[in-house]
């Protein structure tokens, strides 16, 4: 998983296209903060899936339901608030 993260970071760092776009923004007088969030999920394969990939028939099983949760709290910086206000998005002051 760490190796995948490093590979993605290296790809972005070495991209001439990204470097050019950031350079244009800086030349226009802005500081650039690039934050990308990636969600990478993986599950260990079940024996049936491995058998199916090997060409053997697998028993049919129902896929388990997946659920996602959240803590419900997020911290915004002053810049985050300015950006959201510029987009006309209201944010509760209690999150500051």
C-alpha atoms as a PDB file:
ATOM      1  CA  UNK A   1       0.000   0.000   0.000  1.00  0.00           C
ATOM      2  CA  UNK A   2       2.850   2.370   0.885  1.00  0.00           C
ATOM      3  CA  UNK A   3       4.554   1.580  -2.421  1.00  0.00           C
ATOM      4  CA  UNK A   4       1.374   2.493  -4.317  1.00  0.00           C
ATOM      5  CA  UNK A   5       1.190   5.814  -2.457  1.00  0.00           C
ATOM      6  CA  UNK A   6       4.827   6.526  -3.276  1.00  0.00           C
ATOM      7  CA  UNK A   7       4.265   5.687  -6.947  1.00  0.00           C
ATOM      8  CA  UNK A   8       1.292   8.065  -7.161  1.00  0.00           C
ATOM      9  CA  UNK A   9       3.252  10.834  -5.428  1.00  0.00           C
ATOM     10  CA  UNK A  10       6.228  10.337  -7.769  1.00  0.00           C
ATOM     11  CA  UNK A  11       3.957  10.434 -10.827  1.00  0.00           C
ATOM     12  CA  UNK A  12       2.441  13.741  -9.747  1.00  0.00           C
ATOM     13  CA  UNK A  13       5.814  15.227  -8.796  1.00  0.00           C
ATOM     14  CA  UNK A  14       7.358  14.360 -12.147  1.00  0.00           C
ATOM     15  CA  UNK A  15       4.445  15.543 -14.280  1.00  0.00           C
ATOM     16  CA  UNK A  16       5.453  18.362 -16.627  1.00  0.00           C
ATOM     17  CA  UNK A  17       1.805  19.227 -17.179  1.00  0.00           C
ATOM     18  CA  UNK A  18       1.167  19.699 -13.443  1.00  0.00           C
ATOM     19  CA  UNK A  19       4.402  21.689 -13.063  1.00  0.00           C
ATOM     20  CA  UNK A  20       3.356  23.994 -15.922  1.00  0.00           C
ATOM     21  CA  UNK A  21      -0.105  24.580 -14.440  1.00  0.00           C
ATOM     22  CA  UNK A  22       1.361  25.355 -11.015  1.00  0.00           C
ATOM     23  CA  UNK A  23       3.919  27.669 -12.631  1.00  0.00           C
ATOM     24  CA  UNK A  24       1.147  29.616 -14.381  1.00  0.00           C
ATOM     25  CA  UNK A  25      -0.730  30.045 -11.109  1.00  0.00           C
ATOM     26  CA  UNK A  26       2.438  31.251  -9.344  1.00  0.00           C
ATOM     27  CA  UNK A  27       3.217  33.699 -12.177  1.00  0.00           C
ATOM     28  CA  UNK A  28      -0.292  35.092 -11.718  1.00  0.00           C
ATOM     29  CA  UNK A  29       0.722  35.996  -8.146  1.00  0.00           C
ATOM     30  CA  UNK A  30      -0.812  33.172  -6.156  1.00  0.00           C
ATOM     31  CA  UNK A  31       0.659  30.672  -3.730  1.00  0.00           C
ATOM     32  CA  UNK A  32      -0.250  27.113  -4.611  1.00  0.00           C
ATOM     33  CA  UNK A  33      -1.308  24.438  -2.152  1.00  0.00           C
ATOM     34  CA  UNK A  34      -2.020  21.138  -3.848  1.00  0.00           C
ATOM     35  CA  UNK A  35      -3.734  18.554  -1.688  1.00  0.00           C
ATOM     36  CA  UNK A  36      -5.108  15.427  -3.292  1.00  0.00           C
ATOM     37  CA  UNK A  37      -6.964  12.759  -1.410  1.00  0.00           C
ATOM     38  CA  UNK A  38      -7.130   9.233  -2.690  1.00  0.00           C
ATOM     39  CA  UNK A  39      -9.079   6.395  -1.213  1.00  0.00           C
ATOM     40  CA  UNK A  40      -7.519   3.055  -2.000  1.00  0.00           C
ATOM     41  CA  UNK A  41      -9.380  -0.029  -0.924  1.00  0.00           C
ATOM     42  CA  UNK A  42      -8.473  -3.657  -1.128  1.00  0.00           C
ATOM     43  CA  UNK A  43      -9.861  -6.959   0.084  1.00  0.00           C
ATOM     44  CA  UNK A  44      -8.172 -10.318   0.337  1.00  0.00           C
ATOM     45  CA  UNK A  45      -9.546 -12.624  -2.335  1.00  0.00           C
ATOM     46  CA  UNK A  46     -11.797 -15.437  -1.262  1.00  0.00           C
ATOM     47  CA  UNK A  47     -11.003 -19.033  -2.245  1.00  0.00           C
ATOM     48  CA  UNK A  48     -13.937 -19.014  -4.694  1.00  0.00           C
ATOM     49  CA  UNK A  49     -12.559 -15.971  -6.524  1.00  0.00           C
ATOM     50  CA  UNK A  50      -9.098 -17.517  -6.753  1.00  0.00           C
ATOM     51  CA  UNK A  51     -10.593 -20.751  -8.069  1.00  0.00           C
ATOM     52  CA  UNK A  52     -12.658 -18.842 -10.622  1.00  0.00           C
ATOM     53  CA  UNK A  53      -9.558 -16.989 -11.842  1.00  0.00           C
ATOM     54  CA  UNK A  54      -7.801 -20.331 -12.221  1.00  0.00           C
ATOM     55  CA  UNK A  55     -10.649 -21.507 -14.468  1.00  0.00           C
ATOM     56  CA  UNK A  56     -12.400 -23.701 -11.907  1.00  0.00           C
ATOM     57  CA  UNK A  57     -16.141 -23.189 -11.291  1.00  0.00           C
ATOM     58  CA  UNK A  58     -16.929 -21.437  -8.026  1.00  0.00           C
ATOM     59  CA  UNK A  59     -19.964 -21.717  -5.812  1.00  0.00           C
ATOM     60  CA  UNK A  60     -22.260 -18.715  -6.034  1.00  0.00           C
ATOM     61  CA  UNK A  61     -22.305 -16.661  -2.859  1.00  0.00           C
ATOM     62  CA  UNK A  62     -23.997 -13.394  -2.119  1.00  0.00           C
ATOM     63  CA  UNK A  63     -21.687 -10.387  -1.841  1.00  0.00           C
ATOM     64  CA  UNK A  64     -21.761  -8.968   1.731  1.00  0.00           C
ATOM     65  CA  UNK A  65     -23.229  -5.489   2.133  1.00  0.00           C
ATOM     66  CA  UNK A  66     -20.630  -2.787   2.709  1.00  0.00           C
ATOM     67  CA  UNK A  67     -21.218   0.040   5.122  1.00  0.00           C
ATOM     68  CA  UNK A  68     -19.283   3.257   5.574  1.00  0.00           C
ATOM     69  CA  UNK A  69     -19.139   5.468   8.638  1.00  0.00           C
ATOM     70  CA  UNK A  70     -17.927   8.939   9.470  1.00  0.00           C
ATOM     71  CA  UNK A  71     -16.864  10.747  12.589  1.00  0.00           C
ATOM     72  CA  UNK A  72     -19.002  13.721  11.568  1.00  0.00           C
ATOM     73  CA  UNK A  73     -16.329  16.257  12.489  1.00  0.00           C
ATOM     74  CA  UNK A  74     -14.055  18.198  10.198  1.00  0.00           C
ATOM     75  CA  UNK A  75     -11.593  20.995  10.901  1.00  0.00           C
ATOM     76  CA  UNK A  76     -11.376  23.918   8.499  1.00  0.00           C
ATOM     77  CA  UNK A  77      -8.545  26.394   8.208  1.00  0.00           C
ATOM     78  CA  UNK A  78      -9.163  30.092   7.652  1.00  0.00           C
ATOM     79  CA  UNK A  79      -8.287  29.546   3.988  1.00  0.00           C
ATOM     80  CA  UNK A  80     -10.867  26.766   3.799  1.00  0.00           C
ATOM     81  CA  UNK A  81     -13.537  29.138   5.122  1.00  0.00           C
ATOM     82  CA  UNK A  82     -12.572  31.861   2.637  1.00  0.00           C
ATOM     83  CA  UNK A  83     -12.654  29.406  -0.239  1.00  0.00           C
ATOM     84  CA  UNK A  84     -16.050  28.031   0.731  1.00  0.00           C
ATOM     85  CA  UNK A  85     -17.468  31.536   1.207  1.00  0.00           C
ATOM     86  CA  UNK A  86     -16.183  32.441  -2.275  1.00  0.00           C
ATOM     87  CA  UNK A  87     -18.207  29.508  -3.583  1.00  0.00           C
ATOM     88  CA  UNK A  88     -21.188  30.738  -1.558  1.00  0.00           C
ATOM     89  CA  UNK A  89     -21.097  27.663   0.683  1.00  0.00           C
ATOM     90  CA  UNK A  90     -22.125  28.315   4.272  1.00  0.00           C
ATOM     91  CA  UNK A  91     -20.193  26.606   7.066  1.00  0.00           C
ATOM     92  CA  UNK A  92     -21.247  26.437  10.716  1.00  0.00           C
ATOM     93  CA  UNK A  93     -18.969  28.537  12.911  1.00  0.00           C
ATOM     94  CA  UNK A  94     -18.790  25.762  15.522  1.00  0.00           C
ATOM     95  CA  UNK A  95     -16.473  23.820  13.192  1.00  0.00           C
ATOM     96  CA  UNK A  96     -13.730  26.430  13.483  1.00  0.00           C
END
